[in-house]
Protein backbone atom coordinates (compact mmCIF):
# COMPACT_ATOMS: atom_id res chain seq x y z
CA MET A 1 -10.05 -2.54 -10.20
CA ALA A 2 -8.02 -4.09 -12.98
CA ALA A 3 -6.01 -7.21 -12.22
CA VAL A 4 -2.77 -7.97 -13.96
CA ALA A 5 -1.57 -11.53 -14.35
CA VAL A 6 1.86 -12.27 -12.95
CA THR A 7 4.05 -15.08 -14.16
CA GLY A 8 7.02 -16.68 -12.48
CA CYS A 9 10.49 -15.20 -12.69
CA LYS A 10 13.56 -17.43 -12.37
CA ALA A 11 16.80 -15.87 -11.14
CA GLU A 12 19.90 -16.48 -13.17
CA VAL A 13 22.47 -18.76 -11.53
CA ASP A 14 26.19 -18.19 -11.93
CA ARG A 15 28.79 -20.92 -12.19
CA ALA A 16 29.39 -20.88 -8.45
CA GLY A 17 25.75 -21.74 -7.87
CA GLY A 18 24.68 -18.32 -6.52
CA ALA A 19 22.13 -15.86 -7.85
CA GLY A 20 23.23 -14.01 -10.94
CA PRO A 21 23.03 -10.25 -11.48
CA GLU A 22 19.70 -8.51 -11.00
CA PRO A 23 17.79 -8.15 -14.30
CA GLN A 24 18.45 -4.76 -15.87
CA GLU A 25 14.89 -4.18 -17.11
CA GLN A 26 14.24 -0.47 -16.62
CA GLY A 27 10.63 -0.08 -17.70
CA ARG A 28 9.12 2.67 -19.81
CA ALA A 29 8.71 6.25 -18.63
CA GLY A 30 5.69 6.47 -16.35
CA SER A 31 5.82 2.80 -15.41
CA ALA A 32 6.08 1.52 -11.87
CA LEU A 33 9.18 -0.45 -12.84
CA ALA A 34 10.99 2.71 -13.95
CA ALA A 35 9.96 4.47 -10.74
CA VAL A 36 11.68 1.84 -8.58
CA ASP A 37 14.99 3.39 -9.62
CA ASP A 38 13.87 6.70 -8.08
CA LEU A 39 13.59 5.19 -4.60
CA THR A 40 16.40 5.65 -2.09
CA VAL A 41 18.00 2.39 -0.93
CA LYS A 42 19.03 2.21 2.73
CA GLY A 43 18.95 -0.22 5.61
CA ARG A 44 15.94 -0.50 7.88
CA ALA A 45 16.10 1.81 10.92
CA PRO A 46 15.08 0.62 14.40
CA LYS A 47 11.38 0.47 15.26
CA THR A 48 12.14 2.41 18.45
CA GLY A 49 9.51 5.05 19.17
CA TYR A 50 6.88 3.70 16.79
CA ALA A 51 3.24 3.86 17.88
CA ARG A 52 0.03 4.16 15.87
CA GLU A 53 -0.61 7.50 17.58
CA ARG A 54 2.46 8.92 15.83
CA PHE A 55 0.28 8.97 12.71
CA GLY A 56 -2.64 10.73 14.38
CA THR A 57 -6.16 9.61 15.24
CA ALA A 58 -7.22 6.69 13.07
CA TRP A 59 -9.25 7.56 9.98
CA ALA A 60 -9.21 11.32 10.40
CA ASP A 61 -11.21 13.35 7.87
CA THR A 62 -8.14 15.01 6.38
CA ASP A 63 -9.85 15.79 3.07
CA SER A 64 -12.61 17.67 4.94
CA ASN A 65 -15.48 16.00 3.08
CA GLY A 66 -17.41 15.23 6.27
CA CYS A 67 -16.65 11.49 6.25
CA GLY A 68 -13.89 9.58 8.01
CA THR A 69 -11.19 8.04 5.84
CA ARG A 70 -12.34 4.46 6.51
CA ASP A 71 -15.82 5.20 5.15
CA ASP A 72 -14.32 7.01 2.16
CA ILE A 73 -12.37 3.89 1.21
CA LEU A 74 -15.31 1.56 1.81
CA LYS A 75 -17.45 3.73 -0.49
CA ARG A 76 -14.73 3.66 -3.13
CA ASP A 77 -13.93 -0.05 -3.05
CA LEU A 78 -17.18 -1.83 -2.20
CA GLU A 79 -20.14 -2.65 -4.40
CA SER A 80 -23.85 -2.52 -3.41
CA VAL A 81 -23.03 -0.03 -0.66
CA ARG A 82 -25.69 0.91 1.89
CA PHE A 83 -25.48 3.84 4.31
CA SER A 84 -27.02 4.61 7.68
CA ASP A 85 -26.83 8.40 7.36
CA GLY A 86 -27.15 9.57 3.80
CA THR A 87 -23.90 8.97 1.91
CA CYS A 88 -21.24 8.73 4.59
CA LYS A 89 -21.47 5.93 7.17
CA VAL A 90 -21.23 2.62 5.32
CA VAL A 91 -23.22 -0.19 6.98
CA SER A 92 -22.96 -2.91 4.34
CA GLY A 93 -21.56 -3.77 0.95
CA ARG A 94 -19.62 -6.36 -0.99
CA LEU A 95 -15.95 -6.58 -1.88
CA ALA A 96 -16.15 -8.29 -5.25
CA PRO A 97 -13.55 -9.60 -5.36
CA ASP A 98 -11.12 -9.06 -2.52
CA PRO A 99 -7.87 -8.12 -4.30
CA TYR A 100 -5.64 -10.03 -1.87
CA GLY A 101 -7.43 -13.38 -1.91
CA GLY A 102 -9.59 -13.16 -5.03
CA LYS A 103 -12.86 -14.09 -3.28
CA ASP A 104 -16.04 -12.07 -2.78
CA ILE A 105 -16.34 -10.79 0.80
CA THR A 106 -19.46 -9.38 2.45
CA PHE A 107 -19.04 -6.28 4.59
CA THR A 108 -21.42 -5.71 7.52
CA ARG A 109 -20.59 -2.95 9.96
CA GLY A 110 -19.88 -4.34 13.42
CA ALA A 111 -19.14 -7.85 12.10
CA SER A 112 -16.73 -6.98 9.34
CA LYS A 113 -14.36 -9.33 7.56
CA VAL A 114 -13.02 -6.35 5.61
CA ASP A 115 -9.95 -4.36 6.65
CA ILE A 116 -8.63 -1.11 5.25
CA ASP A 117 -4.99 -1.88 4.55
CA HIS A 118 -2.13 0.57 4.31
CA LEU A 119 -0.29 -0.65 1.20
CA VAL A 120 2.86 0.67 2.85
CA ALA A 121 2.41 -0.25 6.50
CA LEU A 122 2.80 2.56 9.02
CA SER A 123 5.48 0.65 10.92
CA ASP A 124 7.38 -0.05 7.70
CA ALA A 125 7.27 3.65 6.82
CA TRP A 126 8.42 4.57 10.33
CA GLN A 127 11.52 2.39 9.96
CA LYS A 128 12.26 3.85 6.53
CA GLY A 129 12.09 7.56 7.14
CA ALA A 130 8.78 8.50 8.77
CA PHE A 131 10.40 8.73 12.21
CA ARG A 132 11.96 11.99 10.92
CA TRP A 133 8.77 13.52 9.51
CA GLU A 134 6.64 16.33 10.83
CA PRO A 135 3.38 15.04 12.38
CA SER A 136 1.29 16.60 9.60
CA LYS A 137 3.07 14.45 7.02
CA ARG A 138 2.56 11.27 9.05
CA ILE A 139 -1.15 12.05 9.44
CA ALA A 140 -1.47 12.65 5.70
CA PHE A 141 0.34 9.39 4.96
CA ALA A 142 -1.99 7.36 7.20
CA ASN A 143 -5.10 8.79 5.51
CA ASP A 144 -4.01 9.09 1.88
CA PRO A 145 -6.33 7.11 -0.45
CA LEU A 146 -3.30 6.31 -2.60
CA ASN A 147 -2.03 4.18 0.30
CA LEU A 148 -5.34 2.56 1.28
CA LEU A 149 -7.27 -0.45 0.04
CA ALA A 150 -10.28 -2.43 1.27
CA VAL A 151 -9.26 -6.09 1.58
CA ASP A 152 -10.13 -9.40 3.24
CA ALA A 153 -9.02 -9.29 6.87
CA THR A 154 -7.47 -12.77 6.87
CA PRO A 155 -4.65 -12.30 4.32
CA ASN A 156 -4.17 -8.71 5.44
CA ARG A 157 -3.40 -9.70 9.01
CA SER A 158 -0.78 -12.16 7.81
CA LYS A 159 1.00 -9.22 6.18
CA GLY A 160 1.76 -7.31 9.38
CA ASP A 161 4.24 -4.57 8.51
CA GLY A 162 5.83 -6.59 5.71
CA ASP A 163 7.29 -5.01 2.61
CA THR A 164 7.52 -6.46 -0.91
CA ALA A 165 10.52 -8.60 0.09
CA THR A 166 8.62 -10.34 2.90
CA TRP A 167 4.93 -10.42 1.85
CA LEU A 168 2.89 -10.44 -1.35
CA PRO A 169 -0.87 -11.01 -1.82
CA PRO A 170 -1.84 -14.69 -2.21
CA ASN A 171 -3.76 -13.61 -5.33
CA LYS A 172 -0.90 -13.62 -7.85
CA ALA A 173 -3.01 -11.79 -10.43
CA PHE A 174 -2.98 -8.71 -8.19
CA ARG A 175 0.72 -8.58 -7.38
CA CYS A 176 1.74 -6.15 -10.11
CA THR A 177 -0.98 -3.71 -9.07
CA TYR A 178 -0.07 -4.15 -5.41
CA VAL A 179 3.65 -3.55 -5.85
CA ALA A 180 3.04 -0.61 -8.19
CA GLY A 181 0.93 0.93 -5.43
CA GLN A 182 3.72 0.52 -2.89
CA VAL A 183 6.23 2.10 -5.27
CA ALA A 184 3.89 5.05 -5.87
CA VAL A 185 3.39 5.68 -2.16
CA LYS A 186 7.08 5.40 -1.32
CA LYS A 187 8.02 7.72 -4.16
CA LYS A 188 5.37 10.30 -3.20
CA TYR A 189 6.41 10.44 0.46
CA GLY A 190 10.12 9.74 0.12
CA VAL A 191 10.01 6.46 2.04
CA TRP A 192 13.17 4.51 1.36
CA VAL A 193 13.50 0.79 0.51
CA THR A 194 15.98 -1.88 1.50
CA ALA A 195 18.14 -3.56 -1.13
CA ALA A 196 16.13 -6.78 -0.77
CA GLU A 197 12.88 -4.86 -1.13
CA ARG A 198 14.09 -3.09 -4.27
CA ALA A 199 15.11 -6.42 -5.81
CA ALA A 200 11.72 -7.94 -4.96
CA MET A 201 9.89 -4.96 -6.50
CA LYS A 202 11.90 -5.34 -9.70
CA LYS A 203 11.27 -9.06 -9.82
CA VAL A 204 7.49 -8.63 -9.65
CA LEU A 205 7.29 -5.59 -11.91
CA GLY A 206 9.71 -7.15 -14.39
CA THR A 207 6.86 -9.49 -15.34
CA CYS A 208 4.63 -6.48 -16.14
CA PRO A 209 7.04 -3.73 -17.25
CA ASP A 210 4.26 -1.54 -18.65
CA GLN A 211 2.32 -1.45 -15.34
CA LYS A 212 1.61 2.24 -14.80
CA LEU A 213 2.64 4.06 -11.65
CA PRO A 214 -0.50 5.10 -9.76
CA THR A 215 -0.91 8.81 -9.06
CA GLY A 216 -3.22 11.08 -7.10
CA GLY A 217 -4.34 10.91 -3.51
CA ASN A 218 -4.26 13.70 -0.95
CA PRO A 219 -1.62 16.37 -0.22
CA THR A 220 1.38 15.18 1.79
CA ALA A 221 0.56 17.46 4.74
CA ALA A 222 -2.65 17.28 6.75
CA PRO A 223 -4.58 20.44 7.69
CA SER A 224 -3.22 22.18 10.78
CA ARG A 225 -6.24 21.24 12.91
CA PHE A 226 -4.98 17.64 13.07
CA HIS A 227 -2.32 16.64 15.56
CA ALA A 228 -0.16 13.62 16.39
CA ARG A 229 2.24 13.09 19.24
C-alpha cells in the first residue's frame, strides 16, 4: 500500500483576523480532490435509530466467495498469512506497517491487535443518508472492500465514528490515501458530507492534488439472501 507524504497547510487570514476563503484548488480529472466537489453538502442528521444490525450481520460473505468479509480483508492486507482451513480462515499474519500508526503489528486470531476499520464509519454514514437506504445497500456498504482496511486497534478505536473534520490517522504520511478512500466511498454510495468535512477533505487533498480516487469494490446492493432490520 503506497503512502503519500502530507505537508502542513496554513489557512489564509483576513484583515479581521478570521480564516480567509477556502483554497480553490480543484484537482485534475480522476483525482480525489476533484471528486470532493461531487459530494453533496448537508448538515448531519440525528443518530436516532442507528444500530449495527441496521447494516446486517457483521462480516457477511456478500461476494459469495466462501469466506467472511473480515477474513477477506485480512488476506488482502496482511503479510505472512497463515490459515487454519485452506485459504479462508486467517489465524496469523503481520500488518507491515499499520497504515494508521506506521508500526508493524502482529495478528494472532483470538488475541488480535488488528481491527478491520470502515473508512466511512457506519454511524457516520447513517447520519448522512444511510438511514434512508434499503437494507441491501446498507449491507453492501458494511462489507465493501473499498470501505475496509486492516489497522492497529489502538488508533482505530480513538476514531469512533469521526469524519475527516474530526479525526485523521496519526501517521501523516497516510492521510492523503485515507481521505481519498473516504471520498471514494461517499461518492460511490451517495453519502453526504458536512461543510466542515468538505473543507477538511480539501485541506488534506490540497497537499496531494494528484492523489487518485480509488475505485472498485463490490456492487452497492447485497444479494437478496442477506437481510437487515
